[in-house]
Amino acid sequence: MIEILDDLDVLTRPDVDPHDLSLGGVRFGSKAADTVARDRVIEVTLSPIVHRWRGGTDLESEYYGENGDRLSLETVVDNAVGGEGIVHFAGKFSCKIIEGTVIGFAMYGGERGLLAHFGYLRSREEFLDVFGTPDLVEESIDCGELMGYRHRYRTSEKQVFWDSWDDRVGWLNLGDFEGDTR
């Protein structure tokens, strides 16, 4: 088992098996209830018990249920860990959970957090030299502007976004995420 926090360069391998990885002590493919340290979760997204959410930069997240009652973070974390949702940790990384099983890891915030490790990559060509040739590349265009490139590596179930505006790795997903082309 390779702990990503101990070896961030493992993320560059186009052939790494996500099932051989853990992130913040959470094993890929594990039962979330057994591996997610609930007290380290700072936010939850996509939890089915949350019908309204309020939060943002410099705001503590607030969660509300179907009847409008406020839900505690602990309640929302327990629901996500036992069922589904995305649990977020300090350091700009998260774990995706479906049916109580960890099916994905995400890292984001290219200038801060874990992805700052790859800050030495200052061009897409350098990125490709380090991460290798992807199986599929998709341009991300918004309002006619090239935002960046989504690189998909099928063997490692990895998607890496190269941010063309800031010339850096913008986010990296491992596992079962929307748009996965396996």
N, C-alpha and C. Protein backbone atom coordinates (compact mmCIF):
# COMPACT_ATOMS: atom_id res chain seq x y z
N MET A 1 0.85 -1.18 0.00
CA MET A 1 0.00 0.00 0.00
C MET A 1 0.89 1.24 0.00
N ILE A 2 0.68 2.12 -0.95
CA ILE A 2 1.45 3.36 -1.05
C ILE A 2 0.58 4.50 -0.54
N GLU A 3 1.06 5.22 0.46
CA GLU A 3 0.36 6.39 0.97
C GLU A 3 0.77 7.58 0.10
N ILE A 4 -0.20 8.15 -0.59
CA ILE A 4 0.08 9.27 -1.49
C ILE A 4 0.76 10.43 -0.78
N LEU A 5 0.36 10.73 0.46
CA LEU A 5 0.96 11.84 1.19
C LEU A 5 2.45 11.64 1.42
N ASP A 6 2.91 10.38 1.44
CA ASP A 6 4.32 10.07 1.62
C ASP A 6 5.10 10.01 0.32
N ASP A 7 4.39 9.91 -0.81
CA ASP A 7 5.05 9.75 -2.10
C ASP A 7 4.18 10.37 -3.20
N LEU A 8 4.13 11.69 -3.25
CA LEU A 8 3.29 12.37 -4.24
C LEU A 8 3.68 12.04 -5.67
N ASP A 9 4.93 11.67 -5.90
CA ASP A 9 5.36 11.35 -7.26
C ASP A 9 4.70 10.09 -7.80
N VAL A 10 4.12 9.27 -6.93
CA VAL A 10 3.39 8.09 -7.41
C VAL A 10 2.24 8.52 -8.32
N LEU A 11 1.76 9.73 -8.15
CA LEU A 11 0.66 10.24 -8.98
C LEU A 11 1.07 10.44 -10.43
N THR A 12 2.36 10.51 -10.72
CA THR A 12 2.82 10.72 -12.09
C THR A 12 2.82 9.42 -12.88
N ARG A 13 2.73 8.28 -12.21
CA ARG A 13 2.81 7.00 -12.91
C ARG A 13 1.53 6.73 -13.69
N PRO A 14 1.64 6.55 -15.01
CA PRO A 14 0.44 6.31 -15.80
C PRO A 14 -0.16 4.92 -15.56
N ASP A 15 0.58 4.03 -14.90
CA ASP A 15 0.13 2.66 -14.71
C ASP A 15 -0.15 2.30 -13.25
N VAL A 16 -0.14 3.28 -12.36
CA VAL A 16 -0.36 2.96 -10.96
C VAL A 16 -1.80 2.47 -10.76
N ASP A 17 -1.96 1.43 -9.97
CA ASP A 17 -3.28 0.89 -9.69
C ASP A 17 -3.84 1.61 -8.47
N PRO A 18 -4.98 2.31 -8.60
CA PRO A 18 -5.53 3.02 -7.45
C PRO A 18 -5.76 2.13 -6.24
N HIS A 19 -6.01 0.84 -6.47
CA HIS A 19 -6.25 -0.09 -5.36
C HIS A 19 -4.99 -0.32 -4.51
N ASP A 20 -3.85 0.13 -5.01
CA ASP A 20 -2.59 0.04 -4.25
C ASP A 20 -2.31 1.31 -3.47
N LEU A 21 -3.26 2.26 -3.45
CA LEU A 21 -3.02 3.58 -2.87
C LEU A 21 -3.93 3.87 -1.68
N SER A 22 -3.43 4.74 -0.82
CA SER A 22 -4.25 5.35 0.22
C SER A 22 -3.95 6.84 0.21
N LEU A 23 -4.89 7.61 0.71
CA LEU A 23 -4.74 9.07 0.77
C LEU A 23 -5.18 9.52 2.15
N GLY A 24 -4.25 10.04 2.92
CA GLY A 24 -4.57 10.48 4.28
C GLY A 24 -5.03 9.33 5.15
N GLY A 25 -4.50 8.12 4.89
CA GLY A 25 -4.88 6.94 5.66
C GLY A 25 -6.13 6.24 5.17
N VAL A 26 -6.76 6.77 4.14
CA VAL A 26 -7.98 6.17 3.59
C VAL A 26 -7.59 5.31 2.39
N ARG A 27 -7.84 4.02 2.48
CA ARG A 27 -7.48 3.10 1.40
C ARG A 27 -8.51 3.13 0.29
N PHE A 28 -8.03 3.19 -0.95
CA PHE A 28 -8.90 3.11 -2.11
C PHE A 28 -9.59 1.75 -2.08
N GLY A 29 -10.90 1.74 -2.29
CA GLY A 29 -11.66 0.49 -2.31
C GLY A 29 -12.10 0.00 -0.94
N SER A 30 -11.70 0.71 0.11
CA SER A 30 -12.05 0.27 1.47
C SER A 30 -13.46 0.70 1.84
N LYS A 31 -13.97 0.09 2.90
CA LYS A 31 -15.21 0.56 3.51
C LYS A 31 -14.88 1.86 4.22
N ALA A 32 -15.52 2.94 3.83
CA ALA A 32 -15.22 4.26 4.39
C ALA A 32 -15.38 4.29 5.90
N ALA A 33 -16.35 3.57 6.43
CA ALA A 33 -16.59 3.56 7.88
C ALA A 33 -15.37 3.05 8.64
N ASP A 34 -14.56 2.22 7.98
CA ASP A 34 -13.38 1.65 8.64
C ASP A 34 -12.14 2.51 8.49
N THR A 35 -12.10 3.41 7.50
CA THR A 35 -10.85 4.11 7.21
C THR A 35 -10.90 5.63 7.27
N VAL A 36 -12.06 6.23 7.13
CA VAL A 36 -12.15 7.69 7.14
C VAL A 36 -12.13 8.19 8.58
N ALA A 37 -11.15 9.05 8.88
CA ALA A 37 -11.08 9.68 10.20
C ALA A 37 -12.09 10.82 10.22
N ARG A 38 -13.24 10.58 10.79
CA ARG A 38 -14.34 11.54 10.76
C ARG A 38 -13.96 12.90 11.32
N ASP A 39 -13.11 12.92 12.33
CA ASP A 39 -12.73 14.18 12.97
C ASP A 39 -11.81 15.03 12.09
N ARG A 40 -11.30 14.47 11.00
CA ARG A 40 -10.44 15.22 10.09
C ARG A 40 -11.20 15.80 8.90
N VAL A 41 -12.47 15.40 8.73
CA VAL A 41 -13.29 15.89 7.62
C VAL A 41 -13.70 17.33 7.91
N ILE A 42 -13.45 18.22 6.94
CA ILE A 42 -13.78 19.63 7.14
C ILE A 42 -15.04 20.05 6.39
N GLU A 43 -15.46 19.22 5.41
CA GLU A 43 -16.65 19.55 4.62
C GLU A 43 -17.11 18.30 3.89
N VAL A 44 -18.39 18.28 3.55
CA VAL A 44 -18.97 17.18 2.78
C VAL A 44 -19.78 17.79 1.63
N THR A 45 -19.63 17.21 0.45
CA THR A 45 -20.46 17.60 -0.69
C THR A 45 -21.16 16.35 -1.23
N LEU A 46 -22.25 16.58 -1.93
CA LEU A 46 -23.03 15.54 -2.60
C LEU A 46 -23.58 14.47 -1.65
N SER A 47 -23.89 14.86 -0.43
CA SER A 47 -24.53 13.95 0.51
C SER A 47 -26.04 13.99 0.25
N PRO A 48 -26.68 12.84 0.10
CA PRO A 48 -28.10 12.84 -0.23
C PRO A 48 -29.00 13.38 0.88
N ILE A 49 -28.54 13.46 2.11
CA ILE A 49 -29.40 14.00 3.17
C ILE A 49 -29.38 15.53 3.20
N VAL A 50 -28.44 16.12 2.46
CA VAL A 50 -28.34 17.59 2.41
C VAL A 50 -29.19 18.10 1.26
N HIS A 51 -30.18 18.92 1.60
CA HIS A 51 -31.05 19.49 0.57
C HIS A 51 -30.74 20.96 0.31
N ARG A 52 -30.00 21.56 1.25
CA ARG A 52 -29.55 22.94 1.05
C ARG A 52 -28.25 23.09 1.80
N TRP A 53 -27.31 23.80 1.17
CA TRP A 53 -25.99 24.01 1.74
C TRP A 53 -25.65 25.48 1.64
N ARG A 54 -24.97 25.98 2.64
CA ARG A 54 -24.48 27.35 2.63
C ARG A 54 -23.03 27.32 3.07
N GLY A 55 -22.18 27.96 2.30
CA GLY A 55 -20.76 27.98 2.65
C GLY A 55 -19.99 28.75 1.60
N GLY A 56 -18.69 28.68 1.70
CA GLY A 56 -17.83 29.36 0.75
C GLY A 56 -16.57 29.83 1.43
N THR A 57 -15.79 30.61 0.73
CA THR A 57 -14.55 31.13 1.26
C THR A 57 -14.81 31.90 2.55
N ASP A 58 -14.09 31.57 3.58
CA ASP A 58 -14.18 32.22 4.89
C ASP A 58 -15.54 32.05 5.56
N LEU A 59 -16.36 31.10 5.11
CA LEU A 59 -17.64 30.81 5.74
C LEU A 59 -17.65 29.35 6.20
N GLU A 60 -18.11 29.13 7.42
CA GLU A 60 -18.26 27.76 7.88
C GLU A 60 -19.48 27.16 7.18
N SER A 61 -19.33 25.95 6.68
CA SER A 61 -20.42 25.30 5.96
C SER A 61 -21.60 25.03 6.88
N GLU A 62 -22.79 25.22 6.33
CA GLU A 62 -24.03 24.91 7.03
C GLU A 62 -24.81 23.95 6.14
N TYR A 63 -25.38 22.93 6.76
CA TYR A 63 -26.13 21.91 6.03
C TYR A 63 -27.56 21.87 6.55
N TYR A 64 -28.50 21.69 5.62
CA TYR A 64 -29.92 21.65 5.99
C TYR A 64 -30.57 20.45 5.33
N GLY A 65 -31.41 19.76 6.09
CA GLY A 65 -32.11 18.58 5.60
C GLY A 65 -33.37 18.93 4.83
N GLU A 66 -34.08 17.90 4.44
CA GLU A 66 -35.28 18.04 3.63
C GLU A 66 -36.34 18.92 4.30
N ASN A 67 -36.45 18.84 5.63
CA ASN A 67 -37.46 19.62 6.35
C ASN A 67 -36.98 21.02 6.73
N GLY A 68 -35.76 21.38 6.30
CA GLY A 68 -35.22 22.70 6.58
C GLY A 68 -34.43 22.80 7.87
N ASP A 69 -34.41 21.73 8.66
CA ASP A 69 -33.64 21.73 9.90
C ASP A 69 -32.15 21.67 9.60
N ARG A 70 -31.40 22.37 10.42
CA ARG A 70 -29.94 22.37 10.25
C ARG A 70 -29.38 21.02 10.69
N LEU A 71 -28.44 20.52 9.90
CA LEU A 71 -27.76 19.26 10.19
C LEU A 71 -26.35 19.56 10.65
N SER A 72 -25.87 18.82 11.63
CA SER A 72 -24.49 19.01 12.09
C SER A 72 -23.52 18.40 11.09
N LEU A 73 -22.30 18.89 11.09
CA LEU A 73 -21.26 18.31 10.24
C LEU A 73 -21.11 16.83 10.55
N GLU A 74 -21.15 16.47 11.83
CA GLU A 74 -21.00 15.07 12.23
C GLU A 74 -22.08 14.18 11.60
N THR A 75 -23.31 14.67 11.58
CA THR A 75 -24.41 13.91 10.99
C THR A 75 -24.19 13.72 9.50
N VAL A 76 -23.76 14.77 8.83
CA VAL A 76 -23.54 14.70 7.38
C VAL A 76 -22.35 13.80 7.07
N VAL A 77 -21.29 13.89 7.87
CA VAL A 77 -20.12 13.01 7.67
C VAL A 77 -20.54 11.55 7.85
N ASP A 78 -21.26 11.26 8.93
CA ASP A 78 -21.70 9.87 9.17
C ASP A 78 -22.53 9.35 8.01
N ASN A 79 -23.41 10.19 7.47
CA ASN A 79 -24.24 9.78 6.35
C ASN A 79 -23.39 9.50 5.11
N ALA A 80 -22.43 10.37 4.84
CA ALA A 80 -21.57 10.18 3.67
C ALA A 80 -20.71 8.93 3.81
N VAL A 81 -20.12 8.75 4.99
CA VAL A 81 -19.23 7.61 5.22
C VAL A 81 -20.00 6.29 5.13
N GLY A 82 -21.22 6.28 5.61
CA GLY A 82 -22.02 5.07 5.56
C GLY A 82 -22.76 4.86 4.27
N GLY A 83 -22.86 5.90 3.46
CA GLY A 83 -23.62 5.80 2.22
C GLY A 83 -22.89 6.38 1.04
N GLU A 84 -23.14 7.70 0.81
CA GLU A 84 -22.44 8.32 -0.31
C GLU A 84 -22.23 9.80 -0.07
N GLY A 85 -21.24 10.32 -0.77
CA GLY A 85 -20.88 11.73 -0.69
C GLY A 85 -19.39 11.88 -0.94
N ILE A 86 -18.95 13.11 -0.89
CA ILE A 86 -17.51 13.39 -1.01
C ILE A 86 -17.09 14.07 0.28
N VAL A 87 -16.12 13.47 0.97
CA VAL A 87 -15.61 14.04 2.21
C VAL A 87 -14.30 14.76 1.90
N HIS A 88 -14.20 16.00 2.39
CA HIS A 88 -13.06 16.86 2.09
C HIS A 88 -12.20 17.04 3.34
N PHE A 89 -10.89 17.13 3.12
CA PHE A 89 -9.92 17.29 4.20
C PHE A 89 -9.10 18.54 3.98
N ALA A 90 -8.52 19.07 5.06
CA ALA A 90 -7.57 20.17 4.93
C ALA A 90 -6.44 19.66 4.05
N GLY A 91 -5.84 20.54 3.29
CA GLY A 91 -4.79 20.13 2.36
C GLY A 91 -5.31 19.96 0.95
N LYS A 92 -6.58 20.28 0.75
CA LYS A 92 -7.20 20.28 -0.58
C LYS A 92 -7.22 18.90 -1.24
N PHE A 93 -7.74 17.92 -0.48
CA PHE A 93 -7.99 16.61 -1.07
C PHE A 93 -9.27 16.03 -0.50
N SER A 94 -9.83 15.07 -1.24
CA SER A 94 -11.11 14.49 -0.83
C SER A 94 -11.21 13.03 -1.27
N CYS A 95 -12.22 12.36 -0.71
CA CYS A 95 -12.51 10.98 -1.05
C CYS A 95 -13.96 10.87 -1.47
N LYS A 96 -14.20 10.20 -2.58
CA LYS A 96 -15.56 9.97 -3.07
C LYS A 96 -16.02 8.61 -2.56
N ILE A 97 -17.25 8.60 -2.03
CA ILE A 97 -17.79 7.38 -1.42
C ILE A 97 -19.14 7.08 -2.06
N ILE A 98 -19.32 5.82 -2.46
CA ILE A 98 -20.61 5.34 -2.97
C ILE A 98 -20.89 4.02 -2.27
N GLU A 99 -22.11 3.87 -1.76
CA GLU A 99 -22.52 2.67 -1.03
C GLU A 99 -21.52 2.30 0.05
N GLY A 100 -20.96 3.31 0.71
CA GLY A 100 -20.05 3.09 1.82
C GLY A 100 -18.64 2.71 1.44
N THR A 101 -18.33 2.66 0.15
CA THR A 101 -17.01 2.25 -0.33
C THR A 101 -16.29 3.45 -0.96
N VAL A 102 -15.00 3.59 -0.66
CA VAL A 102 -14.18 4.66 -1.24
C VAL A 102 -13.87 4.30 -2.68
N ILE A 103 -14.42 5.09 -3.61
CA ILE A 103 -14.25 4.78 -5.04
C ILE A 103 -13.43 5.83 -5.77
N GLY A 104 -12.96 6.86 -5.06
CA GLY A 104 -12.17 7.88 -5.74
C GLY A 104 -11.46 8.80 -4.78
N PHE A 105 -10.36 9.34 -5.27
CA PHE A 105 -9.59 10.38 -4.57
C PHE A 105 -9.52 11.59 -5.49
N ALA A 106 -9.58 12.78 -4.91
CA ALA A 106 -9.42 14.00 -5.70
C ALA A 106 -8.47 14.94 -4.97
N MET A 107 -7.64 15.62 -5.75
CA MET A 107 -6.74 16.64 -5.25
C MET A 107 -6.95 17.88 -6.09
N TYR A 108 -6.96 19.03 -5.47
CA TYR A 108 -7.30 20.26 -6.19
C TYR A 108 -6.56 21.43 -5.56
N GLY A 109 -6.70 22.60 -6.18
CA GLY A 109 -6.01 23.79 -5.68
C GLY A 109 -4.53 23.75 -6.04
N GLY A 110 -4.25 23.86 -7.32
CA GLY A 110 -2.90 23.70 -7.84
C GLY A 110 -1.84 24.56 -7.18
N GLU A 111 -2.21 25.72 -6.68
CA GLU A 111 -1.21 26.62 -6.08
C GLU A 111 -1.00 26.33 -4.59
N ARG A 112 -1.92 25.57 -4.00
CA ARG A 112 -1.83 25.22 -2.58
C ARG A 112 -2.13 23.73 -2.45
N GLY A 113 -1.99 23.22 -1.29
CA GLY A 113 -2.33 21.83 -1.07
C GLY A 113 -1.33 20.89 -1.71
N LEU A 114 -1.76 19.66 -1.91
CA LEU A 114 -0.87 18.60 -2.40
C LEU A 114 -0.31 18.90 -3.78
N LEU A 115 -1.10 19.48 -4.63
CA LEU A 115 -0.65 19.69 -6.01
C LEU A 115 0.43 20.76 -6.14
N ALA A 116 0.66 21.53 -5.10
CA ALA A 116 1.78 22.48 -5.12
C ALA A 116 3.10 21.74 -5.32
N HIS A 117 3.11 20.46 -4.98
CA HIS A 117 4.30 19.62 -5.20
C HIS A 117 4.74 19.65 -6.66
N PHE A 118 3.79 19.81 -7.56
CA PHE A 118 4.09 19.82 -9.00
C PHE A 118 4.26 21.23 -9.55
N GLY A 119 4.45 22.20 -8.68
CA GLY A 119 4.62 23.60 -9.08
C GLY A 119 5.84 23.85 -9.95
N TYR A 120 6.77 22.92 -9.96
CA TYR A 120 7.96 23.07 -10.80
C TYR A 120 7.64 22.87 -12.28
N LEU A 121 6.49 22.28 -12.58
CA LEU A 121 6.08 22.08 -13.98
C LEU A 121 5.49 23.39 -14.48
N ARG A 122 6.15 24.02 -15.42
CA ARG A 122 5.72 25.34 -15.88
C ARG A 122 5.20 25.37 -17.31
N SER A 123 5.08 24.18 -17.92
CA SER A 123 4.50 24.12 -19.26
C SER A 123 3.82 22.77 -19.43
N ARG A 124 2.91 22.72 -20.37
CA ARG A 124 2.22 21.45 -20.64
C ARG A 124 3.20 20.40 -21.15
N GLU A 125 4.20 20.83 -21.88
CA GLU A 125 5.21 19.90 -22.37
C GLU A 125 5.97 19.27 -21.20
N GLU A 126 6.33 20.07 -20.21
CA GLU A 126 6.99 19.54 -19.01
C GLU A 126 6.04 18.59 -18.28
N PHE A 127 4.78 18.96 -18.18
CA PHE A 127 3.79 18.09 -17.55
C PHE A 127 3.76 16.73 -18.24
N LEU A 128 3.66 16.71 -19.57
CA LEU A 128 3.59 15.46 -20.31
C LEU A 128 4.88 14.65 -20.17
N ASP A 129 6.03 15.32 -20.09
CA ASP A 129 7.29 14.60 -19.86
C ASP A 129 7.28 13.86 -18.54
N VAL A 130 6.67 14.45 -17.51
CA VAL A 130 6.66 13.85 -16.17
C VAL A 130 5.51 12.84 -16.01
N PHE A 131 4.31 13.17 -16.46
CA PHE A 131 3.14 12.32 -16.27
C PHE A 131 2.97 11.26 -17.36
N GLY A 132 3.61 11.45 -18.50
CA GLY A 132 3.50 10.49 -19.58
C GLY A 132 2.37 10.80 -20.53
N THR A 133 2.32 10.05 -21.59
CA THR A 133 1.33 10.24 -22.63
C THR A 133 -0.02 9.69 -22.18
N PRO A 134 -1.04 10.52 -22.18
CA PRO A 134 -2.38 10.06 -21.77
C PRO A 134 -3.04 9.24 -22.88
N ASP A 135 -4.08 8.51 -22.50
CA ASP A 135 -4.86 7.76 -23.47
C ASP A 135 -5.82 8.65 -24.24
N LEU A 136 -6.21 9.75 -23.60
CA LEU A 136 -7.16 10.66 -24.21
C LEU A 136 -6.91 12.06 -23.66
N VAL A 137 -7.00 13.05 -24.54
CA VAL A 137 -6.87 14.45 -24.14
C VAL A 137 -8.11 15.19 -24.63
N GLU A 138 -8.69 15.99 -23.75
CA GLU A 138 -9.85 16.80 -24.11
C GLU A 138 -9.55 18.25 -23.77
N GLU A 139 -9.84 19.12 -24.72
CA GLU A 139 -9.69 20.55 -24.45
C GLU A 139 -10.87 21.02 -23.62
N SER A 140 -10.61 21.91 -22.70
CA SER A 140 -11.66 22.56 -21.92
C SER A 140 -11.76 24.00 -22.41
N ILE A 141 -12.90 24.31 -23.00
CA ILE A 141 -13.09 25.64 -23.58
C ILE A 141 -14.30 26.28 -22.92
N ASP A 142 -14.16 27.53 -22.50
CA ASP A 142 -15.26 28.27 -21.90
C ASP A 142 -15.33 29.64 -22.56
N CYS A 143 -16.49 29.98 -23.08
CA CYS A 143 -16.71 31.27 -23.77
C CYS A 143 -15.67 31.51 -24.86
N GLY A 144 -15.32 30.44 -25.57
CA GLY A 144 -14.37 30.54 -26.66
C GLY A 144 -12.91 30.58 -26.24
N GLU A 145 -12.64 30.53 -24.94
CA GLU A 145 -11.26 30.57 -24.43
C GLU A 145 -10.81 29.18 -24.00
N LEU A 146 -9.58 28.81 -24.35
CA LEU A 146 -9.00 27.56 -23.90
C LEU A 146 -8.64 27.70 -22.42
N MET A 147 -9.30 26.90 -21.59
CA MET A 147 -9.03 26.92 -20.15
C MET A 147 -7.92 25.95 -19.78
N GLY A 148 -7.86 24.84 -20.50
CA GLY A 148 -6.85 23.84 -20.21
C GLY A 148 -7.16 22.53 -20.90
N TYR A 149 -6.50 21.48 -20.42
CA TYR A 149 -6.63 20.16 -21.02
C TYR A 149 -6.88 19.11 -19.94
N ARG A 150 -7.84 18.25 -20.20
CA ARG A 150 -8.10 17.10 -19.33
C ARG A 150 -7.38 15.91 -19.94
N HIS A 151 -6.48 15.33 -19.17
CA HIS A 151 -5.69 14.17 -19.61
C HIS A 151 -6.22 12.94 -18.89
N ARG A 152 -6.56 11.91 -19.65
CA ARG A 152 -7.12 10.69 -19.07
C ARG A 152 -6.14 9.53 -19.27
N TYR A 153 -5.90 8.83 -18.18
CA TYR A 153 -5.02 7.67 -18.17
C TYR A 153 -5.86 6.48 -17.72
N ARG A 154 -6.24 5.63 -18.64
CA ARG A 154 -7.19 4.55 -18.35
C ARG A 154 -6.66 3.53 -17.35
N THR A 155 -5.42 3.10 -17.51
CA THR A 155 -4.88 2.06 -16.63
C THR A 155 -4.93 2.47 -15.17
N SER A 156 -4.59 3.71 -14.89
CA SER A 156 -4.56 4.19 -13.51
C SER A 156 -5.87 4.85 -13.09
N GLU A 157 -6.87 4.83 -13.97
CA GLU A 157 -8.16 5.48 -13.68
C GLU A 157 -7.93 6.91 -13.20
N LYS A 158 -7.07 7.62 -13.92
CA LYS A 158 -6.63 8.96 -13.50
C LYS A 158 -7.04 10.00 -14.53
N GLN A 159 -7.47 11.16 -14.02
CA GLN A 159 -7.72 12.34 -14.84
C GLN A 159 -6.89 13.47 -14.25
N VAL A 160 -6.15 14.17 -15.09
CA VAL A 160 -5.34 15.29 -14.63
C VAL A 160 -5.65 16.49 -15.51
N PHE A 161 -5.97 17.60 -14.86
CA PHE A 161 -6.29 18.82 -15.61
C PHE A 161 -5.09 19.75 -15.59
N TRP A 162 -4.62 20.09 -16.80
CA TRP A 162 -3.57 21.09 -16.95
C TRP A 162 -4.25 22.42 -17.19
N ASP A 163 -4.05 23.35 -16.25
CA ASP A 163 -4.65 24.69 -16.30
C ASP A 163 -3.79 25.56 -17.22
N SER A 164 -4.31 25.89 -18.39
CA SER A 164 -3.54 26.67 -19.36
C SER A 164 -3.39 28.13 -18.98
N TRP A 165 -4.29 28.65 -18.15
CA TRP A 165 -4.21 30.04 -17.74
C TRP A 165 -3.08 30.25 -16.75
N ASP A 166 -2.93 29.31 -15.83
CA ASP A 166 -1.91 29.45 -14.78
C ASP A 166 -0.71 28.54 -14.99
N ASP A 167 -0.71 27.76 -16.07
CA ASP A 167 0.38 26.82 -16.36
C ASP A 167 0.74 25.98 -15.14
N ARG A 168 -0.23 25.14 -14.75
CA ARG A 168 0.01 24.23 -13.62
C ARG A 168 -1.04 23.12 -13.63
N VAL A 169 -0.76 22.10 -12.84
CA VAL A 169 -1.74 21.05 -12.61
C VAL A 169 -2.84 21.66 -11.75
N GLY A 170 -4.06 21.70 -12.26
CA GLY A 170 -5.17 22.33 -11.55
C GLY A 170 -5.91 21.38 -10.63
N TRP A 171 -6.08 20.12 -11.08
CA TRP A 171 -6.71 19.10 -10.26
C TRP A 171 -6.33 17.72 -10.78
N LEU A 172 -6.49 16.73 -9.91
CA LEU A 172 -6.17 15.35 -10.26
C LEU A 172 -7.19 14.45 -9.57
N ASN A 173 -7.81 13.57 -10.34
CA ASN A 173 -8.76 12.60 -9.80
C ASN A 173 -8.27 11.19 -10.08
N LEU A 174 -8.45 10.31 -9.12
CA LEU A 174 -8.18 8.88 -9.29
C LEU A 174 -9.47 8.13 -8.98
N GLY A 175 -9.83 7.19 -9.85
CA GLY A 175 -11.00 6.38 -9.57
C GLY A 175 -12.20 6.76 -10.40
N ASP A 176 -13.37 6.51 -9.84
CA ASP A 176 -14.64 6.62 -10.56
C ASP A 176 -15.20 8.04 -10.43
N PHE A 177 -14.94 8.85 -11.45
CA PHE A 177 -15.44 10.23 -11.48
C PHE A 177 -16.17 10.44 -12.80
N GLU A 178 -17.07 11.41 -12.79
CA GLU A 178 -17.84 11.75 -13.98
C GLU A 178 -16.90 11.99 -15.15
N GLY A 179 -17.29 11.46 -16.28
CA GLY A 179 -16.48 11.67 -17.48
C GLY A 179 -15.39 10.62 -17.66
N ASP A 180 -15.29 9.69 -16.72
CA ASP A 180 -14.29 8.63 -16.85
C ASP A 180 -14.66 7.80 -18.06
N THR A 181 -13.67 7.48 -18.89
CA THR A 181 -13.95 6.81 -20.15
C THR A 181 -13.53 5.36 -20.16
N ARG A 182 -13.38 4.74 -19.01
CA ARG A 182 -12.99 3.33 -19.00
C ARG A 182 -13.99 2.47 -19.70
